[in-house]
């Protein structure tokens, strides 16, 4: 999930729920990134609340984008069987990315 800047309107200085929600999503992913960095040697990130919340966020994002067809989904892209997400650290300005976490393939119903 990438969080690009959105265009602003004067009214948004007073009321801007879309940007507030996007900022809270970004903060949640950053919190998970911090938890990954602080994870003990044999720790399990799946026990952290930030991991469970980002898993839900990834699932909602997949639902919002129509859960594009892949070998892990059924023939009907609107009815996937599973999903997977990654957390990457993006280095600017050259746009190189470092993989912090790749989730296991998760069942859609979980």
PDB file of N, CA and C in Angstrom:
ATOM      1  N   UNK A   1       0.849  -1.156   0.000  1.00  0.00           N
ATOM      2  CA  UNK A   1       0.000   0.000   0.000  1.00  0.00           C
ATOM      3  C   UNK A   1       0.899   1.224   0.000  1.00  0.00           C
ATOM      4  N   UNK A   2       0.649   2.101  -0.902  1.00  0.00           N
ATOM      5  CA  UNK A   2       1.440   3.318  -1.040  1.00  0.00           C
ATOM      6  C   UNK A   2       0.551   4.488  -0.645  1.00  0.00           C
ATOM      7  N   UNK A   3       1.096   5.459   0.053  1.00  0.00           N
ATOM      8  CA  UNK A   3       0.317   6.591   0.525  1.00  0.00           C
ATOM      9  C   UNK A   3       0.761   7.877  -0.167  1.00  0.00           C
ATOM     10  N   UNK A   4       0.319   8.119  -1.416  1.00  0.00           N
ATOM     11  CA  UNK A   4       0.714   9.345  -2.110  1.00  0.00           C
ATOM     12  C   UNK A   4      -0.055  10.556  -1.573  1.00  0.00           C
ATOM     13  N   UNK A   5       0.476  11.724  -1.840  1.00  0.00           N
ATOM     14  CA  UNK A   5      -0.205  12.955  -1.431  1.00  0.00           C
ATOM     15  C   UNK A   5      -1.440  13.165  -2.297  1.00  0.00           C
ATOM     16  N   UNK A   6      -2.495  13.643  -1.661  1.00  0.00           N
ATOM     17  CA  UNK A   6      -3.729  13.935  -2.381  1.00  0.00           C
ATOM     18  C   UNK A   6      -3.842  15.446  -2.574  1.00  0.00           C
ATOM     19  N   UNK A   7      -4.593  15.848  -3.608  1.00  0.00           N
ATOM     20  CA  UNK A   7      -4.832  17.274  -3.804  1.00  0.00           C
ATOM     21  C   UNK A   7      -5.760  17.766  -2.697  1.00  0.00           C
ATOM     22  N   UNK A   8      -5.590  19.006  -2.321  1.00  0.00           N
ATOM     23  CA  UNK A   8      -6.365  19.565  -1.216  1.00  0.00           C
ATOM     24  C   UNK A   8      -7.300  20.663  -1.695  1.00  0.00           C
ATOM     25  N   UNK A   9      -8.387  20.800  -0.977  1.00  0.00           N
ATOM     26  CA  UNK A   9      -9.379  21.842  -1.223  1.00  0.00           C
ATOM     27  C   UNK A   9      -9.478  22.694   0.042  1.00  0.00           C
ATOM     28  N   UNK A  10      -9.848  23.965  -0.069  1.00  0.00           N
ATOM     29  CA  UNK A  10      -9.932  24.829   1.113  1.00  0.00           C
ATOM     30  C   UNK A  10     -10.825  24.276   2.228  1.00  0.00           C
ATOM     31  N   UNK A  11     -11.914  23.606   1.875  1.00  0.00           N
ATOM     32  CA  UNK A  11     -12.816  23.056   2.879  1.00  0.00           C
ATOM     33  C   UNK A  11     -12.141  21.953   3.705  1.00  0.00           C
ATOM     34  N   UNK A  12     -11.152  21.297   3.131  1.00  0.00           N
ATOM     35  CA  UNK A  12     -10.479  20.213   3.832  1.00  0.00           C
ATOM     36  C   UNK A  12      -9.662  20.687   5.033  1.00  0.00           C
ATOM     37  N   UNK A  13      -9.406  21.971   5.138  1.00  0.00           N
ATOM     38  CA  UNK A  13      -8.709  22.487   6.316  1.00  0.00           C
ATOM     39  C   UNK A  13      -9.598  22.369   7.548  1.00  0.00           C
ATOM     40  N   UNK A  14     -10.920  22.290   7.341  1.00  0.00           N
ATOM     41  CA  UNK A  14     -11.855  22.190   8.453  1.00  0.00           C
ATOM     42  C   UNK A  14     -12.291  20.744   8.709  1.00  0.00           C
ATOM     43  N   UNK A  15     -12.504  20.003   7.637  1.00  0.00           N
ATOM     44  CA  UNK A  15     -13.040  18.641   7.773  1.00  0.00           C
ATOM     45  C   UNK A  15     -12.416  17.769   6.691  1.00  0.00           C
ATOM     46  N   UNK A  16     -11.647  16.765   7.107  1.00  0.00           N
ATOM     47  CA  UNK A  16     -10.930  15.951   6.132  1.00  0.00           C
ATOM     48  C   UNK A  16     -10.828  14.486   6.600  1.00  0.00           C
ATOM     49  N   UNK A  17     -11.942  13.775   6.665  1.00  0.00           N
ATOM     50  CA  UNK A  17     -11.904  12.405   7.193  1.00  0.00           C
ATOM     51  C   UNK A  17     -11.105  11.435   6.325  1.00  0.00           C
ATOM     52  N   UNK A  18     -11.083  11.617   5.013  1.00  0.00           N
ATOM     53  CA  UNK A  18     -10.341  10.696   4.143  1.00  0.00           C
ATOM     54  C   UNK A  18      -8.844  10.737   4.429  1.00  0.00           C
ATOM     55  N   UNK A  19      -8.297  11.931   4.555  1.00  0.00           N
ATOM     56  CA  UNK A  19      -6.870  12.058   4.840  1.00  0.00           C
ATOM     57  C   UNK A  19      -6.565  11.567   6.254  1.00  0.00           C
ATOM     58  N   UNK A  20      -7.459  11.848   7.202  1.00  0.00           N
ATOM     59  CA  UNK A  20      -7.254  11.361   8.570  1.00  0.00           C
ATOM     60  C   UNK A  20      -7.219   9.840   8.606  1.00  0.00           C
ATOM     61  N   UNK A  21      -8.108   9.192   7.876  1.00  0.00           N
ATOM     62  CA  UNK A  21      -8.125   7.734   7.829  1.00  0.00           C
ATOM     63  C   UNK A  21      -6.852   7.200   7.171  1.00  0.00           C
ATOM     64  N   UNK A  22      -6.420   7.823   6.091  1.00  0.00           N
ATOM     65  CA  UNK A  22      -5.193   7.405   5.416  1.00  0.00           C
ATOM     66  C   UNK A  22      -3.983   7.565   6.338  1.00  0.00           C
ATOM     67  N   UNK A  23      -3.930   8.668   7.075  1.00  0.00           N
ATOM     68  CA  UNK A  23      -2.831   8.871   8.016  1.00  0.00           C
ATOM     69  C   UNK A  23      -2.847   7.827   9.137  1.00  0.00           C
ATOM     70  N   UNK A  24      -4.026   7.446   9.592  1.00  0.00           N
ATOM     71  CA  UNK A  24      -4.092   6.414  10.634  1.00  0.00           C
ATOM     72  C   UNK A  24      -3.643   5.063  10.087  1.00  0.00           C
ATOM     73  N   UNK A  25      -3.956   4.762   8.826  1.00  0.00           N
ATOM     74  CA  UNK A  25      -3.472   3.531   8.195  1.00  0.00           C
ATOM     75  C   UNK A  25      -1.953   3.553   8.077  1.00  0.00           C
ATOM     76  N   UNK A  26      -1.406   4.671   7.649  1.00  0.00           N
ATOM     77  CA  UNK A  26       0.046   4.800   7.521  1.00  0.00           C
ATOM     78  C   UNK A  26       0.718   4.639   8.877  1.00  0.00           C
ATOM     79  N   UNK A  27       0.147   5.228   9.923  1.00  0.00           N
ATOM     80  CA  UNK A  27       0.696   5.108  11.258  1.00  0.00           C
ATOM     81  C   UNK A  27       0.664   3.659  11.735  1.00  0.00           C
ATOM     82  N   UNK A  28      -0.391   2.935  11.399  1.00  0.00           N
ATOM     83  CA  UNK A  28      -0.503   1.528  11.782  1.00  0.00           C
ATOM     84  C   UNK A  28       0.590   0.691  11.122  1.00  0.00           C
ATOM     85  N   UNK A  29       0.845   0.918   9.837  1.00  0.00           N
ATOM     86  CA  UNK A  29       1.903   0.191   9.134  1.00  0.00           C
ATOM     87  C   UNK A  29       3.272   0.550   9.714  1.00  0.00           C
ATOM     88  N   UNK A  30       3.484   1.820  10.040  1.00  0.00           N
ATOM     89  CA  UNK A  30       4.745   2.227  10.660  1.00  0.00           C
ATOM     90  C   UNK A  30       4.919   1.601  12.041  1.00  0.00           C
ATOM     91  N   UNK A  31       3.831   1.446  12.777  1.00  0.00           N
ATOM     92  CA  UNK A  31       3.891   0.793  14.085  1.00  0.00           C
ATOM     93  C   UNK A  31       4.296  -0.678  13.923  1.00  0.00           C
ATOM     94  N   UNK A  32       3.735  -1.348  12.923  1.00  0.00           N
ATOM     95  CA  UNK A  32       4.125  -2.736  12.649  1.00  0.00           C
ATOM     96  C   UNK A  32       5.597  -2.804  12.271  1.00  0.00           C
ATOM     97  N   UNK A  33       6.064  -1.875  11.459  1.00  0.00           N
ATOM     98  CA  UNK A  33       7.469  -1.839  11.072  1.00  0.00           C
ATOM     99  C   UNK A  33       8.367  -1.700  12.302  1.00  0.00           C
ATOM    100  N   UNK A  34       7.964  -0.850  13.220  1.00  0.00           N
ATOM    101  CA  UNK A  34       8.722  -0.678  14.460  1.00  0.00           C
ATOM    102  C   UNK A  34       8.705  -1.963  15.296  1.00  0.00           C
ATOM    103  N   UNK A  35       7.548  -2.616  15.361  1.00  0.00           N
ATOM    104  CA  UNK A  35       7.454  -3.884  16.094  1.00  0.00           C
ATOM    105  C   UNK A  35       8.345  -4.955  15.471  1.00  0.00           C
ATOM    106  N   UNK A  36       8.433  -4.965  14.152  1.00  0.00           N
ATOM    107  CA  UNK A  36       9.306  -5.931  13.463  1.00  0.00           C
ATOM    108  C   UNK A  36      10.760  -5.673  13.841  1.00  0.00           C
ATOM    109  N   UNK A  37      11.151  -4.397  13.849  1.00  0.00           N
ATOM    110  CA  UNK A  37      12.529  -4.038  14.191  1.00  0.00           C
ATOM    111  C   UNK A  37      12.873  -4.412  15.635  1.00  0.00           C
ATOM    112  N   UNK A  38      11.895  -4.310  16.541  1.00  0.00           N
ATOM    113  CA  UNK A  38      12.113  -4.588  17.967  1.00  0.00           C
ATOM    114  C   UNK A  38      11.824  -6.034  18.352  1.00  0.00           C
ATOM    115  N   UNK A  39      11.469  -6.860  17.394  1.00  0.00           N
ATOM    116  CA  UNK A  39      11.092  -8.245  17.669  1.00  0.00           C
ATOM    117  C   UNK A  39      12.266  -9.031  18.237  1.00  0.00           C
ATOM    118  N   UNK A  40      12.059  -9.753  19.364  1.00  0.00           N
ATOM    119  CA  UNK A  40      13.139 -10.585  19.905  1.00  0.00           C
ATOM    120  C   UNK A  40      13.569 -11.668  18.911  1.00  0.00           C
ATOM    121  N   UNK A  41      14.710 -12.274  19.163  1.00  0.00           N
ATOM    122  CA  UNK A  41      15.308 -13.256  18.242  1.00  0.00           C
ATOM    123  C   UNK A  41      14.316 -14.337  17.791  1.00  0.00           C
ATOM    124  N   UNK A  42      13.624 -14.967  18.696  1.00  0.00           N
ATOM    125  CA  UNK A  42      12.683 -16.035  18.341  1.00  0.00           C
ATOM    126  C   UNK A  42      11.239 -15.592  18.503  1.00  0.00           C
ATOM    127  N   UNK A  43      10.988 -14.303  18.399  1.00  0.00           N
ATOM    128  CA  UNK A  43       9.640 -13.762  18.571  1.00  0.00           C
ATOM    129  C   UNK A  43       8.748 -14.074  17.384  1.00  0.00           C
ATOM    130  N   UNK A  44       7.462 -14.051  17.627  1.00  0.00           N
ATOM    131  CA  UNK A  44       6.467 -14.314  16.587  1.00  0.00           C
ATOM    132  C   UNK A  44       5.650 -13.049  16.380  1.00  0.00           C
ATOM    133  N   UNK A  45       5.835 -12.406  15.243  1.00  0.00           N
ATOM    134  CA  UNK A  45       5.145 -11.145  14.959  1.00  0.00           C
ATOM    135  C   UNK A  45       3.640 -11.340  14.909  1.00  0.00           C
ATOM    136  N   UNK A  46       3.175 -12.551  14.641  1.00  0.00           N
ATOM    137  CA  UNK A  46       1.734 -12.811  14.551  1.00  0.00           C
ATOM    138  C   UNK A  46       1.023 -12.625  15.885  1.00  0.00           C
ATOM    139  N   UNK A  47       1.761 -12.572  16.993  1.00  0.00           N
ATOM    140  CA  UNK A  47       1.146 -12.366  18.299  1.00  0.00           C
ATOM    141  C   UNK A  47       0.929 -10.885  18.611  1.00  0.00           C
ATOM    142  N   UNK A  48       1.445  -9.992  17.786  1.00  0.00           N
ATOM    143  CA  UNK A  48       1.342  -8.557  18.023  1.00  0.00           C
ATOM    144  C   UNK A  48       0.025  -8.014  17.457  1.00  0.00           C
ATOM    145  N   UNK A  49      -0.571  -7.094  18.186  1.00  0.00           N
ATOM    146  CA  UNK A  49      -1.816  -6.469  17.729  1.00  0.00           C
ATOM    147  C   UNK A  49      -1.603  -5.721  16.420  1.00  0.00           C
ATOM    148  N   UNK A  50      -0.451  -5.083  16.250  1.00  0.00           N
ATOM    149  CA  UNK A  50      -0.193  -4.327  15.014  1.00  0.00           C
ATOM    150  C   UNK A  50      -0.207  -5.255  13.799  1.00  0.00           C
ATOM    151  N   UNK A  51       0.302  -6.482  13.943  1.00  0.00           N
ATOM    152  CA  UNK A  51       0.282  -7.437  12.827  1.00  0.00           C
ATOM    153  C   UNK A  51      -1.162  -7.815  12.483  1.00  0.00           C
ATOM    154  N   UNK A  52      -1.960  -8.102  13.496  1.00  0.00           N
ATOM    155  CA  UNK A  52      -3.347  -8.493  13.238  1.00  0.00           C
ATOM    156  C   UNK A  52      -4.133  -7.349  12.596  1.00  0.00           C
ATOM    157  N   UNK A  53      -3.876  -6.108  13.031  1.00  0.00           N
ATOM    158  CA  UNK A  53      -4.574  -4.961  12.455  1.00  0.00           C
ATOM    159  C   UNK A  53      -4.137  -4.693  11.021  1.00  0.00           C
ATOM    160  N   UNK A  54      -2.841  -4.814  10.739  1.00  0.00           N
ATOM    161  CA  UNK A  54      -2.366  -4.617   9.366  1.00  0.00           C
ATOM    162  C   UNK A  54      -2.877  -5.748   8.469  1.00  0.00           C
ATOM    163  N   UNK A  55      -3.013  -6.943   9.002  1.00  0.00           N
ATOM    164  CA  UNK A  55      -3.601  -8.046   8.228  1.00  0.00           C
ATOM    165  C   UNK A  55      -5.022  -7.688   7.809  1.00  0.00           C
ATOM    166  N   UNK A  56      -5.796  -7.136   8.728  1.00  0.00           N
ATOM    167  CA  UNK A  56      -7.162  -6.698   8.386  1.00  0.00           C
ATOM    168  C   UNK A  56      -7.140  -5.573   7.360  1.00  0.00           C
ATOM    169  N   UNK A  57      -6.200  -4.652   7.527  1.00  0.00           N
ATOM    170  CA  UNK A  57      -6.072  -3.544   6.583  1.00  0.00           C
ATOM    171  C   UNK A  57      -5.730  -4.054   5.183  1.00  0.00           C
ATOM    172  N   UNK A  58      -4.822  -5.015   5.102  1.00  0.00           N
ATOM    173  CA  UNK A  58      -4.452  -5.593   3.804  1.00  0.00           C
ATOM    174  C   UNK A  58      -5.641  -6.301   3.166  1.00  0.00           C
ATOM    175  N   UNK A  59      -6.407  -7.003   3.970  1.00  0.00           N
ATOM    176  CA  UNK A  59      -7.585  -7.703   3.451  1.00  0.00           C
ATOM    177  C   UNK A  59      -8.606  -6.701   2.924  1.00  0.00           C
ATOM    178  N   UNK A  60      -8.829  -5.614   3.669  1.00  0.00           N
ATOM    179  CA  UNK A  60      -9.765  -4.584   3.215  1.00  0.00           C
ATOM    180  C   UNK A  60      -9.277  -3.925   1.932  1.00  0.00           C
ATOM    181  N   UNK A  61      -7.969  -3.698   1.819  1.00  0.00           N
ATOM    182  CA  UNK A  61      -7.413  -3.098   0.603  1.00  0.00           C
ATOM    183  C   UNK A  61      -7.608  -4.037  -0.583  1.00  0.00           C
ATOM    184  N   UNK A  62      -7.423  -5.334  -0.364  1.00  0.00           N
ATOM    185  CA  UNK A  62      -7.631  -6.305  -1.444  1.00  0.00           C
ATOM    186  C   UNK A  62      -9.095  -6.331  -1.870  1.00  0.00           C
ATOM    187  N   UNK A  63      -9.985  -6.243  -0.902  1.00  0.00           N
ATOM    188  CA  UNK A  63     -11.416  -6.217  -1.225  1.00  0.00           C
ATOM    189  C   UNK A  63     -11.768  -4.959  -2.005  1.00  0.00           C
ATOM    190  N   UNK A  64     -11.195  -3.833  -1.615  1.00  0.00           N
ATOM    191  CA  UNK A  64     -11.488  -2.564  -2.281  1.00  0.00           C
ATOM    192  C   UNK A  64     -10.978  -2.533  -3.713  1.00  0.00           C
ATOM    193  N   UNK A  65      -9.904  -3.241  -3.987  1.00  0.00           N
ATOM    194  CA  UNK A  65      -9.331  -3.262  -5.328  1.00  0.00           C
ATOM    195  C   UNK A  65      -9.791  -4.462  -6.130  1.00  0.00           C
ATOM    196  N   UNK A  66     -10.822  -5.128  -5.692  1.00  0.00           N
ATOM    197  CA  UNK A  66     -11.400  -6.213  -6.467  1.00  0.00           C
ATOM    198  C   UNK A  66     -10.648  -7.514  -6.350  1.00  0.00           C
ATOM    199  N   UNK A  67      -9.689  -7.600  -5.438  1.00  0.00           N
ATOM    200  CA  UNK A  67      -8.929  -8.836  -5.228  1.00  0.00           C
ATOM    201  C   UNK A  67      -8.517  -9.446  -6.561  1.00  0.00           C
ATOM    202  N   UNK A  68      -7.597  -8.759  -7.234  1.00  0.00           N
ATOM    203  CA  UNK A  68      -7.148  -9.164  -8.563  1.00  0.00           C
ATOM    204  C   UNK A  68      -6.830 -10.653  -8.622  1.00  0.00           C
ATOM    205  N   UNK A  69      -7.134 -11.256  -9.747  1.00  0.00           N
ATOM    206  CA  UNK A  69      -6.943 -12.690  -9.925  1.00  0.00           C
ATOM    207  C   UNK A  69      -5.468 -13.070  -9.844  1.00  0.00           C
ATOM    208  N   UNK A  70      -5.186 -14.169  -9.162  1.00  0.00           N
ATOM    209  CA  UNK A  70      -3.831 -14.701  -9.057  1.00  0.00           C
ATOM    210  C   UNK A  70      -3.927 -16.212  -8.929  1.00  0.00           C
ATOM    211  N   UNK A  71      -2.809 -16.920  -8.974  1.00  0.00           N
ATOM    212  CA  UNK A  71      -2.875 -18.369  -8.819  1.00  0.00           C
ATOM    213  C   UNK A  71      -3.449 -18.800  -7.469  1.00  0.00           C
ATOM    214  N   UNK A  72      -3.460 -17.892  -6.499  1.00  0.00           N
ATOM    215  CA  UNK A  72      -3.971 -18.246  -5.183  1.00  0.00           C
ATOM    216  C   UNK A  72      -5.459 -18.002  -5.043  1.00  0.00           C
ATOM    217  N   UNK A  73      -6.078 -17.411  -6.040  1.00  0.00           N
ATOM    218  CA  UNK A  73      -7.500 -17.117  -5.942  1.00  0.00           C
ATOM    219  C   UNK A  73      -8.294 -18.064  -6.826  1.00  0.00           C
ATOM    220  N   UNK A  74      -9.591 -18.028  -6.626  1.00  0.00           N
ATOM    221  CA  UNK A  74     -10.464 -18.859  -7.440  1.00  0.00           C
ATOM    222  C   UNK A  74     -10.587 -18.262  -8.837  1.00  0.00           C
ATOM    223  N   UNK A  75     -11.371 -18.873  -9.700  1.00  0.00           N
ATOM    224  CA  UNK A  75     -11.576 -18.366 -11.055  1.00  0.00           C
ATOM    225  C   UNK A  75     -12.302 -17.022 -11.045  1.00  0.00           C
ATOM    226  N   UNK A  76     -13.089 -16.777 -10.024  1.00  0.00           N
ATOM    227  CA  UNK A  76     -13.824 -15.529  -9.889  1.00  0.00           C
ATOM    228  C   UNK A  76     -13.034 -14.575  -9.002  1.00  0.00           C
ATOM    229  N   UNK A  77     -12.452 -13.492  -9.544  1.00  0.00           N
ATOM    230  CA  UNK A  77     -11.642 -12.580  -8.734  1.00  0.00           C
ATOM    231  C   UNK A  77     -12.410 -11.952  -7.583  1.00  0.00           C
ATOM    232  N   UNK A  78     -13.732 -11.914  -7.678  1.00  0.00           N
ATOM    233  CA  UNK A  78     -14.521 -11.346  -6.587  1.00  0.00           C
ATOM    234  C   UNK A  78     -14.664 -12.328  -5.423  1.00  0.00           C
ATOM    235  N   UNK A  79     -14.218 -13.565  -5.602  1.00  0.00           N
ATOM    236  CA  UNK A  79     -14.332 -14.591  -4.564  1.00  0.00           C
ATOM    237  C   UNK A  79     -12.980 -15.261  -4.349  1.00  0.00           C
ATOM    238  N   UNK A  80     -11.991 -14.530  -3.813  1.00  0.00           N
ATOM    239  CA  UNK A  80     -10.668 -15.129  -3.607  1.00  0.00           C
ATOM    240  C   UNK A  80     -10.693 -16.132  -2.459  1.00  0.00           C
ATOM    241  N   UNK A  81      -9.743 -17.041  -2.488  1.00  0.00           N
ATOM    242  CA  UNK A  81      -9.629 -18.044  -1.429  1.00  0.00           C
ATOM    243  C   UNK A  81      -8.594 -17.649  -0.389  1.00  0.00           C
ATOM    244  N   UNK A  82      -7.617 -16.836  -0.781  1.00  0.00           N
ATOM    245  CA  UNK A  82      -6.546 -16.458   0.132  1.00  0.00           C
ATOM    246  C   UNK A  82      -5.900 -15.154  -0.331  1.00  0.00           C
ATOM    247  N   UNK A  83      -5.055 -14.595   0.548  1.00  0.00           N
ATOM    248  CA  UNK A  83      -4.339 -13.376   0.210  1.00  0.00           C
ATOM    249  C   UNK A  83      -3.018 -13.360   0.969  1.00  0.00           C
ATOM    250  N   UNK A  84      -2.139 -12.459   0.558  1.00  0.00           N
ATOM    251  CA  UNK A  84      -0.825 -12.324   1.162  1.00  0.00           C
ATOM    252  C   UNK A  84      -0.407 -10.856   1.040  1.00  0.00           C
ATOM    253  N   UNK A  85       0.385 -10.377   2.000  1.00  0.00           N
ATOM    254  CA  UNK A  85       0.852  -8.996   1.921  1.00  0.00           C
ATOM    255  C   UNK A  85       2.317  -8.924   2.335  1.00  0.00           C
ATOM    256  N   UNK A  86       2.942  -7.814   1.958  1.00  0.00           N
ATOM    257  CA  UNK A  86       4.335  -7.556   2.306  1.00  0.00           C
ATOM    258  C   UNK A  86       4.448  -6.168   2.914  1.00  0.00           C
ATOM    259  N   UNK A  87       5.398  -6.011   3.824  1.00  0.00           N
ATOM    260  CA  UNK A  87       5.755  -4.696   4.358  1.00  0.00           C
ATOM    261  C   UNK A  87       7.175  -4.430   3.880  1.00  0.00           C
ATOM    262  N   UNK A  88       7.330  -3.334   3.131  1.00  0.00           N
ATOM    263  CA  UNK A  88       8.634  -2.980   2.573  1.00  0.00           C
ATOM    264  C   UNK A  88       9.033  -1.600   3.046  1.00  0.00           C
ATOM    265  N   UNK A  89      10.317  -1.430   3.265  1.00  0.00           N
ATOM    266  CA  UNK A  89      10.883  -0.134   3.604  1.00  0.00           C
ATOM    267  C   UNK A  89      11.407   0.476   2.314  1.00  0.00           C
ATOM    268  N   UNK A  90      10.888   1.632   1.951  1.00  0.00           N
ATOM    269  CA  UNK A  90      11.239   2.278   0.690  1.00  0.00           C
ATOM    270  C   UNK A  90      12.282   3.357   0.954  1.00  0.00           C
ATOM    271  N   UNK A  91      13.392   3.279   0.226  1.00  0.00           N
ATOM    272  CA  UNK A  91      14.470   4.258   0.359  1.00  0.00           C
ATOM    273  C   UNK A  91      14.379   5.269  -0.777  1.00  0.00           C
ATOM    274  N   UNK A  92      14.245   6.540  -0.424  1.00  0.00           N
ATOM    275  CA  UNK A  92      14.180   7.591  -1.428  1.00  0.00           C
ATOM    276  C   UNK A  92      15.559   8.186  -1.595  1.00  0.00           C
ATOM    277  N   UNK A  93      15.965   8.756  -2.669  1.00  0.00           N
ATOM    278  CA  UNK A  93      15.205   9.048  -3.875  1.00  0.00           C
ATOM    279  C   UNK A  93      15.268   7.944  -4.927  1.00  0.00           C
ATOM    280  N   UNK A  94      16.072   6.904  -4.728  1.00  0.00           N
ATOM    281  CA  UNK A  94      16.238   5.904  -5.787  1.00  0.00           C
ATOM    282  C   UNK A  94      15.160   4.823  -5.771  1.00  0.00           C
ATOM    283  N   UNK A  95      14.226   4.880  -4.853  1.00  0.00           N
ATOM    284  CA  UNK A  95      13.073   3.983  -4.795  1.00  0.00           C
ATOM    285  C   UNK A  95      13.416   2.513  -4.546  1.00  0.00           C
ATOM    286  N   UNK A  96      14.595   2.242  -3.991  1.00  0.00           N
ATOM    287  CA  UNK A  96      14.915   0.864  -3.643  1.00  0.00           C
ATOM    288  C   UNK A  96      14.085   0.464  -2.427  1.00  0.00           C
ATOM    289  N   UNK A  97      13.704  -0.810  -2.367  1.00  0.00           N
ATOM    290  CA  UNK A  97      12.881  -1.293  -1.267  1.00  0.00           C
ATOM    291  C   UNK A  97      13.566  -2.458  -0.570  1.00  0.00           C
ATOM    292  N   UNK A  98      13.371  -2.520   0.722  1.00  0.00           N
ATOM    293  CA  UNK A  98      13.885  -3.606   1.540  1.00  0.00           C
ATOM    294  C   UNK A  98      12.693  -4.328   2.153  1.00  0.00           C
ATOM    295  N   UNK A  99      12.606  -5.623   1.956  1.00  0.00           N
ATOM    296  CA  UNK A  99      11.488  -6.409   2.471  1.00  0.00           C
ATOM    297  C   UNK A  99      11.650  -6.608   3.977  1.00  0.00           C
ATOM    298  N   UNK A 100      10.675  -6.120   4.754  1.00  0.00           N
ATOM    299  CA  UNK A 100      10.685  -6.294   6.207  1.00  0.00           C
ATOM    300  C   UNK A 100       9.877  -7.514   6.627  1.00  0.00           C
ATOM    301  N   UNK A 101       8.775  -7.778   5.920  1.00  0.00           N
ATOM    302  CA  UNK A 101       7.877  -8.859   6.296  1.00  0.00           C
ATOM    303  C   UNK A 101       7.118  -9.342   5.077  1.00  0.00           C
ATOM    304  N   UNK A 102       7.015 -10.641   4.932  1.00  0.00           N
ATOM    305  CA  UNK A 102       6.116 -11.241   3.949  1.00  0.00           C
ATOM    306  C   UNK A 102       5.216 -12.178   4.732  1.00  0.00           C
ATOM    307  N   UNK A 103       3.938 -11.884   4.698  1.00  0.00           N
ATOM    308  CA  UNK A 103       3.011 -12.697   5.471  1.00  0.00           C
ATOM    309  C   UNK A 103       2.886 -14.083   4.839  1.00  0.00           C
ATOM    310  N   UNK A 104       2.462 -15.061   5.625  1.00  0.00           N
ATOM    311  CA  UNK A 104       2.131 -16.343   5.002  1.00  0.00           C
ATOM    312  C   UNK A 104       0.876 -16.150   4.156  1.00  0.00           C
ATOM    313  N   UNK A 105       0.583 -17.101   3.318  1.00  0.00           N
ATOM    314  CA  UNK A 105      -0.665 -17.062   2.564  1.00  0.00           C
ATOM    315  C   UNK A 105      -1.792 -17.292   3.561  1.00  0.00           C
ATOM    316  N   UNK A 106      -2.678 -16.304   3.653  1.00  0.00           N
ATOM    317  CA  UNK A 106      -3.736 -16.326   4.660  1.00  0.00           C
ATOM    318  C   UNK A 106      -5.080 -16.665   4.027  1.00  0.00           C
ATOM    319  N   UNK A 107      -5.872 -17.498   4.671  1.00  0.00           N
ATOM    320  CA  UNK A 107      -7.186 -17.782   4.110  1.00  0.00           C
ATOM    321  C   UNK A 107      -8.063 -16.531   4.153  1.00  0.00           C
ATOM    322  N   UNK A 108      -8.861 -16.340   3.131  1.00  0.00           N
ATOM    323  CA  UNK A 108      -9.688 -15.158   3.015  1.00  0.00           C
ATOM    324  C   UNK A 108     -10.661 -15.041   4.182  1.00  0.00           C
ATOM    325  N   UNK A 109     -11.087 -16.138   4.746  1.00  0.00           N
ATOM    326  CA  UNK A 109     -12.089 -16.118   5.809  1.00  0.00           C
ATOM    327  C   UNK A 109     -11.496 -15.813   7.163  1.00  0.00           C
ATOM    328  N   UNK A 110     -10.154 -15.802   7.291  1.00  0.00           N
ATOM    329  CA  UNK A 110      -9.535 -15.572   8.606  1.00  0.00           C
ATOM    330  C   UNK A 110      -9.580 -14.118   8.988  1.00  0.00           C
TER     331      UNK A 110
END
